[in-house]
Each structure stands twice: as C-alpha cells, then as structure tokens.
Amino acid sequence: MKRDSRLFDIVQTLRDGRLHTAAELAVALGVSTRTIWRDMAMMAATGLPVEGERGLGYILRSPLMLPPTMLTPDELEALVEGLRHVGQDENPRARAALSLLVKVATLLPQAGIDVDAKDN
C-alpha cells in the first residue's frame, strides 16, 4: 500500500471519533506499528489535529472535513464506468449521466477522464 493511500485510510479511520491503537491500525493496514508511529508523527507535524502517543492510541482532536471529491482510484473508475453505462442512448437518464460525467471530469482534471470515450 502506498503511503498516500495509507495516510488517507488512517484519517478515514480516525474520523469516527474513537481512540485507535497503533497495533489496531497496523493490522488493519498491513504494516508494522513502527510505520504507524512514523505516519502519526508526520501527520501531527503537518498540522492534522491528531493527538495521542505510543501505547495509548490516537484520536482526532477536532472533526476533520475532507472534500467530497476525495475518491480512491477504484471509486473513481466505478463512478465513471457507471455514468458511461447509464449514459447510453436507450437509458432515460442518459443526458443527466453524461452531464454529471462532464462535471466529474471538470472537478477532477488530474484524473484525465475522457468524457468522449464510449463504454467498452
């Protein structure tokens, strides 16, 4: 698992407002507790409201709002595939699906979504 994905998963887990131990996070993410300790230190140093220490656990001090466009690559692929499927001519919601696909491509230009591509 890449570090960026792991950090995202840690933040998502901590958003539940409960205390999580490094051992628990390590098992869930398939890494060592030492890796979790380093990740938590790095996140705290960058200003994320992470609080805790080794042996006790970690928690977010305040609610963390992530932009709603934070999608994993698999989620984005599923969304685009679904919109293209619904956007086929015989579907009554085709126009709306294609319009939404253009909006997603505009909001996420780094994803390189080809709005003119046809469903394979």
PDB file of N, CA and C in Angstrom:
ATOM      1  N   MET A   1       0.848  -1.167   0.000  1.00  0.00           N
ATOM      2  CA  MET A   1       0.000   0.000   0.000  1.00  0.00           C
ATOM      3  C   MET A   1       0.902   1.241   0.000  1.00  0.00           C
ATOM      4  N   LYS A   2       0.613   2.166  -0.887  1.00  0.00           N
ATOM      5  CA  LYS A   2       1.392   3.397  -0.955  1.00  0.00           C
ATOM      6  C   LYS A   2       1.111   4.254   0.271  1.00  0.00           C
ATOM      7  N   ARG A   3       2.094   5.067   0.630  1.00  0.00           N
ATOM      8  CA  ARG A   3       1.978   5.888   1.832  1.00  0.00           C
ATOM      9  C   ARG A   3       0.769   6.831   1.769  1.00  0.00           C
ATOM     10  N   ASP A   4       0.542   7.473   0.621  1.00  0.00           N
ATOM     11  CA  ASP A   4      -0.585   8.390   0.493  1.00  0.00           C
ATOM     12  C   ASP A   4      -1.908   7.681   0.773  1.00  0.00           C
ATOM     13  N   SER A   5      -2.069   6.494   0.211  1.00  0.00           N
ATOM     14  CA  SER A   5      -3.300   5.727   0.437  1.00  0.00           C
ATOM     15  C   SER A   5      -3.429   5.327   1.902  1.00  0.00           C
ATOM     16  N   ARG A   6      -2.300   4.942   2.490  1.00  0.00           N
ATOM     17  CA  ARG A   6      -2.320   4.531   3.895  1.00  0.00           C
ATOM     18  C   ARG A   6      -2.698   5.707   4.796  1.00  0.00           C
ATOM     19  N   LEU A   7      -2.133   6.889   4.533  1.00  0.00           N
ATOM     20  CA  LEU A   7      -2.456   8.064   5.339  1.00  0.00           C
ATOM     21  C   LEU A   7      -3.927   8.430   5.201  1.00  0.00           C
ATOM     22  N   PHE A   8      -4.441   8.330   3.991  1.00  0.00           N
ATOM     23  CA  PHE A   8      -5.864   8.596   3.769  1.00  0.00           C
ATOM     24  C   PHE A   8      -6.711   7.617   4.573  1.00  0.00           C
ATOM     25  N   ASP A   9      -6.353   6.334   4.537  1.00  0.00           N
ATOM     26  CA  ASP A   9      -7.102   5.314   5.280  1.00  0.00           C
ATOM     27  C   ASP A   9      -7.028   5.550   6.793  1.00  0.00           C
ATOM     28  N   ILE A  10      -5.864   5.988   7.281  1.00  0.00           N
ATOM     29  CA  ILE A  10      -5.732   6.283   8.709  1.00  0.00           C
ATOM     30  C   ILE A  10      -6.672   7.418   9.099  1.00  0.00           C
ATOM     31  N   VAL A  11      -6.661   8.487   8.308  1.00  0.00           N
ATOM     32  CA  VAL A  11      -7.535   9.630   8.602  1.00  0.00           C
ATOM     33  C   VAL A  11      -9.000   9.200   8.570  1.00  0.00           C
ATOM     34  N   GLN A  12      -9.368   8.402   7.568  1.00  0.00           N
ATOM     35  CA  GLN A  12     -10.757   7.932   7.486  1.00  0.00           C
ATOM     36  C   GLN A  12     -11.133   7.137   8.734  1.00  0.00           C
ATOM     37  N   THR A  13     -10.239   6.298   9.215  1.00  0.00           N
ATOM     38  CA  THR A  13     -10.492   5.504  10.417  1.00  0.00           C
ATOM     39  C   THR A  13     -10.635   6.408  11.636  1.00  0.00           C
ATOM     40  N   LEU A  14      -9.751   7.391  11.761  1.00  0.00           N
ATOM     41  CA  LEU A  14      -9.772   8.273  12.926  1.00  0.00           C
ATOM     42  C   LEU A  14     -10.970   9.212  12.948  1.00  0.00           C
ATOM     43  N   ARG A  15     -11.620   9.389  11.824  1.00  0.00           N
ATOM     44  CA  ARG A  15     -12.771  10.300  11.760  1.00  0.00           C
ATOM     45  C   ARG A  15     -13.963   9.803  12.565  1.00  0.00           C
ATOM     46  N   ASP A  16     -13.930   8.548  13.022  1.00  0.00           N
ATOM     47  CA  ASP A  16     -15.052   8.030  13.805  1.00  0.00           C
ATOM     48  C   ASP A  16     -15.077   8.571  15.237  1.00  0.00           C
ATOM     49  N   GLY A  17     -14.032   9.301  15.631  1.00  0.00           N
ATOM     50  CA  GLY A  17     -14.001   9.931  16.944  1.00  0.00           C
ATOM     51  C   GLY A  17     -13.581   9.029  18.084  1.00  0.00           C
ATOM     52  N   ARG A  18     -13.204   7.804  17.772  1.00  0.00           N
ATOM     53  CA  ARG A  18     -12.782   6.862  18.821  1.00  0.00           C
ATOM     54  C   ARG A  18     -11.266   6.781  18.887  1.00  0.00           C
ATOM     55  N   LEU A  19     -10.758   6.271  19.988  1.00  0.00           N
ATOM     56  CA  LEU A  19      -9.331   6.051  20.188  1.00  0.00           C
ATOM     57  C   LEU A  19      -8.931   4.776  19.455  1.00  0.00           C
ATOM     58  N   HIS A  20      -7.852   4.844  18.684  1.00  0.00           N
ATOM     59  CA  HIS A  20      -7.350   3.685  17.940  1.00  0.00           C
ATOM     60  C   HIS A  20      -5.874   3.494  18.260  1.00  0.00           C
ATOM     61  N   THR A  21      -5.512   2.265  18.596  1.00  0.00           N
ATOM     62  CA  THR A  21      -4.109   1.986  18.897  1.00  0.00           C
ATOM     63  C   THR A  21      -3.327   1.794  17.605  1.00  0.00           C
ATOM     64  N   ALA A  22      -2.026   1.993  17.709  1.00  0.00           N
ATOM     65  CA  ALA A  22      -1.152   1.780  16.554  1.00  0.00           C
ATOM     66  C   ALA A  22      -1.216   0.319  16.115  1.00  0.00           C
ATOM     67  N   ALA A  23      -1.304  -0.592  17.070  1.00  0.00           N
ATOM     68  CA  ALA A  23      -1.376  -2.018  16.738  1.00  0.00           C
ATOM     69  C   ALA A  23      -2.640  -2.320  15.936  1.00  0.00           C
ATOM     70  N   GLU A  24      -3.760  -1.742  16.349  1.00  0.00           N
ATOM     71  CA  GLU A  24      -5.028  -1.939  15.636  1.00  0.00           C
ATOM     72  C   GLU A  24      -4.932  -1.393  14.203  1.00  0.00           C
ATOM     73  N   LEU A  25      -4.394  -0.198  14.077  1.00  0.00           N
ATOM     74  CA  LEU A  25      -4.248   0.407  12.740  1.00  0.00           C
ATOM     75  C   LEU A  25      -3.278  -0.394  11.881  1.00  0.00           C
ATOM     76  N   ALA A  26      -2.193  -0.865  12.486  1.00  0.00           N
ATOM     77  CA  ALA A  26      -1.194  -1.630  11.752  1.00  0.00           C
ATOM     78  C   ALA A  26      -1.782  -2.912  11.170  1.00  0.00           C
ATOM     79  N   VAL A  27      -2.576  -3.604  11.972  1.00  0.00           N
ATOM     80  CA  VAL A  27      -3.216  -4.844  11.499  1.00  0.00           C
ATOM     81  C   VAL A  27      -4.177  -4.533  10.352  1.00  0.00           C
ATOM     82  N   ALA A  28      -4.976  -3.495  10.528  1.00  0.00           N
ATOM     83  CA  ALA A  28      -5.967  -3.138   9.505  1.00  0.00           C
ATOM     84  C   ALA A  28      -5.313  -2.734   8.183  1.00  0.00           C
ATOM     85  N   LEU A  29      -4.128  -2.126   8.254  1.00  0.00           N
ATOM     86  CA  LEU A  29      -3.468  -1.623   7.054  1.00  0.00           C
ATOM     87  C   LEU A  29      -2.335  -2.515   6.558  1.00  0.00           C
ATOM     88  N   GLY A  30      -2.028  -3.558   7.298  1.00  0.00           N
ATOM     89  CA  GLY A  30      -0.993  -4.499   6.862  1.00  0.00           C
ATOM     90  C   GLY A  30       0.415  -3.943   6.927  1.00  0.00           C
ATOM     91  N   VAL A  31       0.686  -3.122   7.945  1.00  0.00           N
ATOM     92  CA  VAL A  31       2.025  -2.563   8.135  1.00  0.00           C
ATOM     93  C   VAL A  31       2.435  -2.775   9.585  1.00  0.00           C
ATOM     94  N   SER A  32       3.653  -2.362   9.920  1.00  0.00           N
ATOM     95  CA  SER A  32       4.128  -2.512  11.299  1.00  0.00           C
ATOM     96  C   SER A  32       3.625  -1.359  12.164  1.00  0.00           C
ATOM     97  N   THR A  33       3.640  -1.579  13.477  1.00  0.00           N
ATOM     98  CA  THR A  33       3.261  -0.494  14.385  1.00  0.00           C
ATOM     99  C   THR A  33       4.261   0.657  14.269  1.00  0.00           C
ATOM    100  N   ARG A  34       5.485   0.347  14.009  1.00  0.00           N
ATOM    101  CA  ARG A  34       6.513   1.388  13.836  1.00  0.00           C
ATOM    102  C   ARG A  34       6.155   2.299  12.657  1.00  0.00           C
ATOM    103  N   THR A  35       5.634   1.716  11.576  1.00  0.00           N
ATOM    104  CA  THR A  35       5.198   2.516  10.429  1.00  0.00           C
ATOM    105  C   THR A  35       4.059   3.442  10.830  1.00  0.00           C
ATOM    106  N   ILE A  36       3.121   2.934  11.622  1.00  0.00           N
ATOM    107  CA  ILE A  36       2.006   3.763  12.095  1.00  0.00           C
ATOM    108  C   ILE A  36       2.535   4.895  12.966  1.00  0.00           C
ATOM    109  N   TRP A  37       3.495   4.622  13.845  1.00  0.00           N
ATOM    110  CA  TRP A  37       4.067   5.672  14.687  1.00  0.00           C
ATOM    111  C   TRP A  37       4.675   6.779  13.825  1.00  0.00           C
ATOM    112  N   ARG A  38       5.414   6.375  12.796  1.00  0.00           N
ATOM    113  CA  ARG A  38       6.028   7.376  11.892  1.00  0.00           C
ATOM    114  C   ARG A  38       4.950   8.164  11.159  1.00  0.00           C
ATOM    115  N   ASP A  39       3.921   7.464  10.667  1.00  0.00           N
ATOM    116  CA  ASP A  39       2.834   8.143   9.954  1.00  0.00           C
ATOM    117  C   ASP A  39       2.128   9.152  10.861  1.00  0.00           C
ATOM    118  N   MET A  40       1.865   8.766  12.102  1.00  0.00           N
ATOM    119  CA  MET A  40       1.179   9.663  13.029  1.00  0.00           C
ATOM    120  C   MET A  40       2.044  10.878  13.348  1.00  0.00           C
ATOM    121  N   ALA A  41       3.328  10.682  13.535  1.00  0.00           N
ATOM    122  CA  ALA A  41       4.224  11.811  13.808  1.00  0.00           C
ATOM    123  C   ALA A  41       4.249  12.764  12.623  1.00  0.00           C
ATOM    124  N   MET A  42       4.273  12.203  11.411  1.00  0.00           N
ATOM    125  CA  MET A  42       4.284  13.029  10.213  1.00  0.00           C
ATOM    126  C   MET A  42       2.979  13.798  10.070  1.00  0.00           C
ATOM    127  N   MET A  43       1.841  13.148  10.320  1.00  0.00           N
ATOM    128  CA  MET A  43       0.547  13.822  10.208  1.00  0.00           C
ATOM    129  C   MET A  43       0.426  14.940  11.246  1.00  0.00           C
ATOM    130  N   ALA A  44       0.871  14.689  12.474  1.00  0.00           N
ATOM    131  CA  ALA A  44       0.820  15.728  13.510  1.00  0.00           C
ATOM    132  C   ALA A  44       1.718  16.900  13.126  1.00  0.00           C
ATOM    133  N   ALA A  45       2.882  16.624  12.556  1.00  0.00           N
ATOM    134  CA  ALA A  45       3.813  17.683  12.160  1.00  0.00           C
ATOM    135  C   ALA A  45       3.267  18.538  11.018  1.00  0.00           C
ATOM    136  N   THR A  46       2.384  17.969  10.201  1.00  0.00           N
ATOM    137  CA  THR A  46       1.813  18.732   9.086  1.00  0.00           C
ATOM    138  C   THR A  46       0.571  19.513   9.481  1.00  0.00           C
ATOM    139  N   GLY A  47       0.155  19.391  10.736  1.00  0.00           N
ATOM    140  CA  GLY A  47      -0.962  20.198  11.209  1.00  0.00           C
ATOM    141  C   GLY A  47      -2.298  19.484  11.327  1.00  0.00           C
ATOM    142  N   LEU A  48      -2.359  18.215  10.976  1.00  0.00           N
ATOM    143  CA  LEU A  48      -3.609  17.484  11.183  1.00  0.00           C
ATOM    144  C   LEU A  48      -3.871  17.382  12.688  1.00  0.00           C
ATOM    145  N   PRO A  49      -5.114  17.496  13.116  1.00  0.00           N
ATOM    146  CA  PRO A  49      -5.416  17.505  14.549  1.00  0.00           C
ATOM    147  C   PRO A  49      -5.373  16.113  15.195  1.00  0.00           C
ATOM    148  N   VAL A  50      -4.244  15.414  14.999  1.00  0.00           N
ATOM    149  CA  VAL A  50      -4.062  14.074  15.562  1.00  0.00           C
ATOM    150  C   VAL A  50      -3.448  14.215  16.949  1.00  0.00           C
ATOM    151  N   GLU A  51      -4.004  13.487  17.899  1.00  0.00           N
ATOM    152  CA  GLU A  51      -3.494  13.525  19.261  1.00  0.00           C
ATOM    153  C   GLU A  51      -3.340  12.094  19.753  1.00  0.00           C
ATOM    154  N   GLY A  52      -2.292  11.834  20.504  1.00  0.00           N
ATOM    155  CA  GLY A  52      -2.086  10.509  21.065  1.00  0.00           C
ATOM    156  C   GLY A  52      -0.623  10.230  21.264  1.00  0.00           C
ATOM    157  N   GLU A  53      -0.362   9.023  21.716  1.00  0.00           N
ATOM    158  CA  GLU A  53       1.016   8.625  21.908  1.00  0.00           C
ATOM    159  C   GLU A  53       1.111   7.111  21.894  1.00  0.00           C
ATOM    160  N   ARG A  54       2.343   6.661  21.736  1.00  0.00           N
ATOM    161  CA  ARG A  54       2.597   5.222  21.689  1.00  0.00           C
ATOM    162  C   ARG A  54       2.076   4.562  22.951  1.00  0.00           C
ATOM    163  N   GLY A  55       1.396   3.429  22.773  1.00  0.00           N
ATOM    164  CA  GLY A  55       0.888   2.666  23.901  1.00  0.00           C
ATOM    165  C   GLY A  55      -0.528   3.026  24.323  1.00  0.00           C
ATOM    166  N   LEU A  56      -0.961   4.247  24.021  1.00  0.00           N
ATOM    167  CA  LEU A  56      -2.306   4.661  24.411  1.00  0.00           C
ATOM    168  C   LEU A  56      -3.269   4.639  23.237  1.00  0.00           C
ATOM    169  N   GLY A  57      -2.867   5.202  22.152  1.00  0.00           N
ATOM    170  CA  GLY A  57      -3.713   5.260  20.972  1.00  0.00           C
ATOM    171  C   GLY A  57      -3.765   6.660  20.397  1.00  0.00           C
ATOM    172  N   TYR A  58      -4.507   6.797  19.315  1.00  0.00           N
ATOM    173  CA  TYR A  58      -4.596   8.052  18.583  1.00  0.00           C
ATOM    174  C   TYR A  58      -6.053   8.407  18.320  1.00  0.00           C
ATOM    175  N   ILE A  59      -6.299   9.706  18.265  1.00  0.00           N
ATOM    176  CA  ILE A  59      -7.641  10.211  18.026  1.00  0.00           C
ATOM    177  C   ILE A  59      -7.507  11.567  17.327  1.00  0.00           C
ATOM    178  N   LEU A  60      -8.535  11.962  16.610  1.00  0.00           N
ATOM    179  CA  LEU A  60      -8.561  13.310  16.039  1.00  0.00           C
ATOM    180  C   LEU A  60      -9.117  14.247  17.099  1.00  0.00           C
ATOM    181  N   ARG A  61      -8.414  15.342  17.388  1.00  0.00           N
ATOM    182  CA  ARG A  61      -8.852  16.310  18.394  1.00  0.00           C
ATOM    183  C   ARG A  61     -10.130  17.018  17.996  1.00  0.00           C
ATOM    184  N   SER A  62     -10.275  17.303  16.719  1.00  0.00           N
ATOM    185  CA  SER A  62     -11.456  18.014  16.228  1.00  0.00           C
ATOM    186  C   SER A  62     -11.907  17.362  14.934  1.00  0.00           C
ATOM    187  N   PRO A  63     -13.157  17.553  14.578  1.00  0.00           N
ATOM    188  CA  PRO A  63     -13.646  16.956  13.332  1.00  0.00           C
ATOM    189  C   PRO A  63     -12.814  17.423  12.138  1.00  0.00           C
ATOM    190  N   LEU A  64     -12.589  16.538  11.245  1.00  0.00           N
ATOM    191  CA  LEU A  64     -11.806  16.851  10.055  1.00  0.00           C
ATOM    192  C   LEU A  64     -12.717  16.723   8.851  1.00  0.00           C
ATOM    193  N   MET A  65     -12.871  17.806   8.142  1.00  0.00           N
ATOM    194  CA  MET A  65     -13.708  17.798   6.946  1.00  0.00           C
ATOM    195  C   MET A  65     -12.833  17.582   5.728  1.00  0.00           C
ATOM    196  N   LEU A  66     -13.087  16.514   5.027  1.00  0.00           N
ATOM    197  CA  LEU A  66     -12.379  16.248   3.779  1.00  0.00           C
ATOM    198  C   LEU A  66     -13.284  16.622   2.622  1.00  0.00           C
ATOM    199  N   PRO A  67     -12.701  17.133   1.552  1.00  0.00           N
ATOM    200  CA  PRO A  67     -13.527  17.480   0.401  1.00  0.00           C
ATOM    201  C   PRO A  67     -14.260  16.241  -0.107  1.00  0.00           C
ATOM    202  N   PRO A  68     -15.490  16.399  -0.557  1.00  0.00           N
ATOM    203  CA  PRO A  68     -16.254  15.240  -1.011  1.00  0.00           C
ATOM    204  C   PRO A  68     -15.701  14.613  -2.281  1.00  0.00           C
ATOM    205  N   THR A  69     -14.726  15.244  -2.924  1.00  0.00           N
ATOM    206  CA  THR A  69     -14.162  14.687  -4.154  1.00  0.00           C
ATOM    207  C   THR A  69     -12.942  13.816  -3.899  1.00  0.00           C
ATOM    208  N   MET A  70     -12.684  13.472  -2.635  1.00  0.00           N
ATOM    209  CA  MET A  70     -11.575  12.580  -2.315  1.00  0.00           C
ATOM    210  C   MET A  70     -12.018  11.152  -2.621  1.00  0.00           C
ATOM    211  N   LEU A  71     -11.699  10.693  -3.812  1.00  0.00           N
ATOM    212  CA  LEU A  71     -12.085   9.351  -4.240  1.00  0.00           C
ATOM    213  C   LEU A  71     -10.840   8.501  -4.424  1.00  0.00           C
ATOM    214  N   THR A  72     -10.955   7.224  -4.115  1.00  0.00           N
ATOM    215  CA  THR A  72      -9.862   6.314  -4.425  1.00  0.00           C
ATOM    216  C   THR A  72      -9.893   6.064  -5.934  1.00  0.00           C
ATOM    217  N   PRO A  73      -8.792   5.607  -6.504  1.00  0.00           N
ATOM    218  CA  PRO A  73      -8.800   5.308  -7.944  1.00  0.00           C
ATOM    219  C   PRO A  73      -9.890   4.305  -8.324  1.00  0.00           C
ATOM    220  N   ASP A  74     -10.131   3.305  -7.486  1.00  0.00           N
ATOM    221  CA  ASP A  74     -11.173   2.314  -7.779  1.00  0.00           C
ATOM    222  C   ASP A  74     -12.564   2.940  -7.730  1.00  0.00           C
ATOM    223  N   GLU A  75     -12.797   3.826  -6.755  1.00  0.00           N
ATOM    224  CA  GLU A  75     -14.091   4.506  -6.661  1.00  0.00           C
ATOM    225  C   GLU A  75     -14.331   5.385  -7.891  1.00  0.00           C
ATOM    226  N   LEU A  76     -13.300   6.096  -8.308  1.00  0.00           N
ATOM    227  CA  LEU A  76     -13.432   6.959  -9.476  1.00  0.00           C
ATOM    228  C   LEU A  76     -13.716   6.135 -10.725  1.00  0.00           C
ATOM    229  N   GLU A  77     -13.007   5.032 -10.879  1.00  0.00           N
ATOM    230  CA  GLU A  77     -13.230   4.160 -12.030  1.00  0.00           C
ATOM    231  C   GLU A  77     -14.659   3.612 -12.036  1.00  0.00           C
ATOM    232  N   ALA A  78     -15.147   3.206 -10.873  1.00  0.00           N
ATOM    233  CA  ALA A  78     -16.521   2.692 -10.770  1.00  0.00           C
ATOM    234  C   ALA A  78     -17.534   3.776 -11.107  1.00  0.00           C
ATOM    235  N   LEU A  79     -17.294   4.984 -10.627  1.00  0.00           N
ATOM    236  CA  LEU A  79     -18.200   6.094 -10.901  1.00  0.00           C
ATOM    237  C   LEU A  79     -18.257   6.402 -12.392  1.00  0.00           C
ATOM    238  N   VAL A  80     -17.097   6.514 -13.024  1.00  0.00           N
ATOM    239  CA  VAL A  80     -17.043   6.825 -14.456  1.00  0.00           C
ATOM    240  C   VAL A  80     -17.689   5.712 -15.270  1.00  0.00           C
ATOM    241  N   GLU A  81     -17.376   4.466 -14.919  1.00  0.00           N
ATOM    242  CA  GLU A  81     -17.966   3.330 -15.632  1.00  0.00           C
ATOM    243  C   GLU A  81     -19.490   3.331 -15.492  1.00  0.00           C
ATOM    244  N   GLY A  82     -19.977   3.596 -14.286  1.00  0.00           N
ATOM    245  CA  GLY A  82     -21.425   3.630 -14.059  1.00  0.00           C
ATOM    246  C   GLY A  82     -22.092   4.756 -14.832  1.00  0.00           C
ATOM    247  N   LEU A  83     -21.473   5.932 -14.822  1.00  0.00           N
ATOM    248  CA  LEU A  83     -22.048   7.063 -15.562  1.00  0.00           C
ATOM    249  C   LEU A  83     -22.065   6.796 -17.062  1.00  0.00           C
ATOM    250  N   ARG A  84     -21.018   6.170 -17.569  1.00  0.00           N
ATOM    251  CA  ARG A  84     -20.994   5.842 -19.006  1.00  0.00           C
ATOM    252  C   ARG A  84     -22.072   4.815 -19.341  1.00  0.00           C
ATOM    253  N   HIS A  85     -22.268   3.857 -18.451  1.00  0.00           N
ATOM    254  CA  HIS A  85     -23.291   2.835 -18.686  1.00  0.00           C
ATOM    255  C   HIS A  85     -24.686   3.467 -18.706  1.00  0.00           C
ATOM    256  N   VAL A  86     -24.968   4.299 -17.713  1.00  0.00           N
ATOM    257  CA  VAL A  86     -26.273   4.960 -17.648  1.00  0.00           C
ATOM    258  C   VAL A  86     -26.410   5.963 -18.796  1.00  0.00           C
ATOM    259  N   GLY A  87     -25.291   6.498 -19.259  1.00  0.00           N
ATOM    260  CA  GLY A  87     -25.312   7.495 -20.330  1.00  0.00           C
ATOM    261  C   GLY A  87     -25.559   6.952 -21.717  1.00  0.00           C
ATOM    262  N   GLN A  88     -25.803   5.662 -21.835  1.00  0.00           N
ATOM    263  CA  GLN A  88     -26.098   5.091 -23.146  1.00  0.00           C
ATOM    264  C   GLN A  88     -27.451   5.597 -23.632  1.00  0.00           C
ATOM    265  N   ASP A  89     -27.590   5.724 -24.948  1.00  0.00           N
ATOM    266  CA  ASP A  89     -28.759   6.351 -25.575  1.00  0.00           C
ATOM    267  C   ASP A  89     -30.105   5.795 -25.133  1.00  0.00           C
ATOM    268  N   GLU A  90     -30.223   4.498 -24.906  1.00  0.00           N
ATOM    269  CA  GLU A  90     -31.535   3.921 -24.588  1.00  0.00           C
ATOM    270  C   GLU A  90     -31.968   4.160 -23.142  1.00  0.00           C
ATOM    271  N   ASN A  91     -31.114   4.705 -22.319  1.00  0.00           N
ATOM    272  CA  ASN A  91     -31.451   4.947 -20.921  1.00  0.00           C
ATOM    273  C   ASN A  91     -32.147   6.298 -20.778  1.00  0.00           C
ATOM    274  N   PRO A  92     -33.256   6.362 -20.029  1.00  0.00           N
ATOM    275  CA  PRO A  92     -33.979   7.636 -19.875  1.00  0.00           C
ATOM    276  C   PRO A  92     -33.169   8.706 -19.133  1.00  0.00           C
ATOM    277  N   ARG A  93     -32.174   8.306 -18.386  1.00  0.00           N
ATOM    278  CA  ARG A  93     -31.342   9.270 -17.655  1.00  0.00           C
ATOM    279  C   ARG A  93     -29.986   9.480 -18.335  1.00  0.00           C
ATOM    280  N   ALA A  94     -29.887   9.158 -19.599  1.00  0.00           N
ATOM    281  CA  ALA A  94     -28.624   9.256 -20.320  1.00  0.00           C
ATOM    282  C   ALA A  94     -28.062  10.672 -20.308  1.00  0.00           C
ATOM    283  N   ARG A  95     -28.902  11.639 -20.608  1.00  0.00           N
ATOM    284  CA  ARG A  95     -28.437  13.035 -20.670  1.00  0.00           C
ATOM    285  C   ARG A  95     -27.900  13.491 -19.304  1.00  0.00           C
ATOM    286  N   ALA A  96     -28.611  13.159 -18.229  1.00  0.00           N
ATOM    287  CA  ALA A  96     -28.171  13.548 -16.885  1.00  0.00           C
ATOM    288  C   ALA A  96     -26.847  12.860 -16.523  1.00  0.00           C
ATOM    289  N   ALA A  97     -26.707  11.593 -16.865  1.00  0.00           N
ATOM    290  CA  ALA A  97     -25.478  10.860 -16.554  1.00  0.00           C
ATOM    291  C   ALA A  97     -24.282  11.460 -17.293  1.00  0.00           C
ATOM    292  N   LEU A  98     -24.457  11.800 -18.557  1.00  0.00           N
ATOM    293  CA  LEU A  98     -23.364  12.380 -19.328  1.00  0.00           C
ATOM    294  C   LEU A  98     -23.013  13.772 -18.824  1.00  0.00           C
ATOM    295  N   SER A  99     -24.012  14.534 -18.406  1.00  0.00           N
ATOM    296  CA  SER A  99     -23.772  15.852 -17.826  1.00  0.00           C
ATOM    297  C   SER A  99     -22.977  15.718 -16.528  1.00  0.00           C
ATOM    298  N   LEU A 100     -23.344  14.746 -15.714  1.00  0.00           N
ATOM    299  CA  LEU A 100     -22.625  14.508 -14.464  1.00  0.00           C
ATOM    300  C   LEU A 100     -21.194  14.060 -14.733  1.00  0.00           C
ATOM    301  N   LEU A 101     -20.995  13.249 -15.762  1.00  0.00           N
ATOM    302  CA  LEU A 101     -19.655  12.805 -16.134  1.00  0.00           C
ATOM    303  C   LEU A 101     -18.773  14.001 -16.492  1.00  0.00           C
ATOM    304  N   VAL A 102     -19.313  14.952 -17.219  1.00  0.00           N
ATOM    305  CA  VAL A 102     -18.562  16.165 -17.567  1.00  0.00           C
ATOM    306  C   VAL A 102     -18.210  16.944 -16.302  1.00  0.00           C
ATOM    307  N   LYS A 103     -19.139  17.031 -15.356  1.00  0.00           N
ATOM    308  CA  LYS A 103     -18.882  17.742 -14.103  1.00  0.00           C
ATOM    309  C   LYS A 103     -17.771  17.058 -13.300  1.00  0.00           C
ATOM    310  N   VAL A 104     -17.810  15.737 -13.231  1.00  0.00           N
ATOM    311  CA  VAL A 104     -16.778  14.997 -12.504  1.00  0.00           C
ATOM    312  C   VAL A 104     -15.420  15.222 -13.166  1.00  0.00           C
ATOM    313  N   ALA A 105     -15.388  15.160 -14.488  1.00  0.00           N
ATOM    314  CA  ALA A 105     -14.128  15.375 -15.216  1.00  0.00           C
ATOM    315  C   ALA A 105     -13.599  16.789 -14.978  1.00  0.00           C
ATOM    316  N   THR A 106     -14.496  17.759 -14.861  1.00  0.00           N
ATOM    317  CA  THR A 106     -14.100  19.148 -14.606  1.00  0.00           C
ATOM    318  C   THR A 106     -13.579  19.324 -13.186  1.00  0.00           C
ATOM    319  N   LEU A 107     -14.236  18.676 -12.216  1.00  0.00           N
ATOM    320  CA  LEU A 107     -13.814  18.771 -10.820  1.00  0.00           C
ATOM    321  C   LEU A 107     -12.501  18.038 -10.550  1.00  0.00           C
ATOM    322  N   LEU A 108     -12.233  17.003 -11.333  1.00  0.00           N
ATOM    323  CA  LEU A 108     -11.034  16.176 -11.131  1.00  0.00           C
ATOM    324  C   LEU A 108     -10.186  16.128 -12.404  1.00  0.00           C
ATOM    325  N   PRO A 109      -9.647  17.261 -12.834  1.00  0.00           N
ATOM    326  CA  PRO A 109      -8.888  17.264 -14.091  1.00  0.00           C
ATOM    327  C   PRO A 109      -7.661  16.353 -14.056  1.00  0.00           C
ATOM    328  N   GLN A 110      -7.088  16.160 -12.861  1.00  0.00           N
ATOM    329  CA  GLN A 110      -5.912  15.309 -12.730  1.00  0.00           C
ATOM    330  C   GLN A 110      -6.221  13.838 -13.023  1.00  0.00           C
ATOM    331  N   ALA A 111      -7.493  13.472 -13.014  1.00  0.00           N
ATOM    332  CA  ALA A 111      -7.876  12.075 -13.272  1.00  0.00           C
ATOM    333  C   ALA A 111      -7.807  11.741 -14.756  1.00  0.00           C
ATOM    334  N   GLY A 112      -7.807  12.753 -15.627  1.00  0.00           N
ATOM    335  CA  GLY A 112      -7.702  12.513 -17.057  1.00  0.00           C
ATOM    336  C   GLY A 112      -8.890  11.768 -17.634  1.00  0.00           C
ATOM    337  N   ILE A 113     -10.088  12.064 -17.169  1.00  0.00           N
ATOM    338  CA  ILE A 113     -11.286  11.380 -17.647  1.00  0.00           C
ATOM    339  C   ILE A 113     -11.612  11.869 -19.051  1.00  0.00           C
ATOM    340  N   ASP A 114     -11.727  10.932 -19.975  1.00  0.00           N
ATOM    341  CA  ASP A 114     -12.097  11.257 -21.352  1.00  0.00           C
ATOM    342  C   ASP A 114     -13.621  11.199 -21.447  1.00  0.00           C
ATOM    343  N   VAL A 115     -14.254  12.358 -21.486  1.00  0.00           N
ATOM    344  CA  VAL A 115     -15.724  12.379 -21.497  1.00  0.00           C
ATOM    345  C   VAL A 115     -16.297  11.899 -22.821  1.00  0.00           C
ATOM    346  N   ASP A 116     -15.498  11.848 -23.873  1.00  0.00           N
ATOM    347  CA  ASP A 116     -15.981  11.394 -25.178  1.00  0.00           C
ATOM    348  C   ASP A 116     -15.807   9.897 -25.389  1.00  0.00           C
ATOM    349  N   ALA A 117     -15.126   9.214 -24.448  1.00  0.00           N
ATOM    350  CA  ALA A 117     -14.897   7.780 -24.596  1.00  0.00           C
ATOM    351  C   ALA A 117     -16.208   7.016 -24.476  1.00  0.00           C
ATOM    352  N   LYS A 118     -16.355   5.983 -25.252  1.00  0.00           N
ATOM    353  CA  LYS A 118     -17.566   5.146 -25.223  1.00  0.00           C
ATOM    354  C   LYS A 118     -17.355   3.981 -24.285  1.00  0.00           C
ATOM    355  N   ASP A 119     -18.442   3.477 -23.718  1.00  0.00           N
ATOM    356  CA  ASP A 119     -18.405   2.323 -22.818  1.00  0.00           C
ATOM    357  C   ASP A 119     -17.876   1.108 -23.572  1.00  0.00           C
ATOM    358  N   ASN A 120     -16.908   0.434 -22.974  1.00  0.00           N
ATOM    359  CA  ASN A 120     -16.305  -0.736 -23.653  1.00  0.00           C
ATOM    360  C   ASN A 120     -17.097  -1.984 -23.406  1.00  0.00           C
TER     361      ASN A 120
END
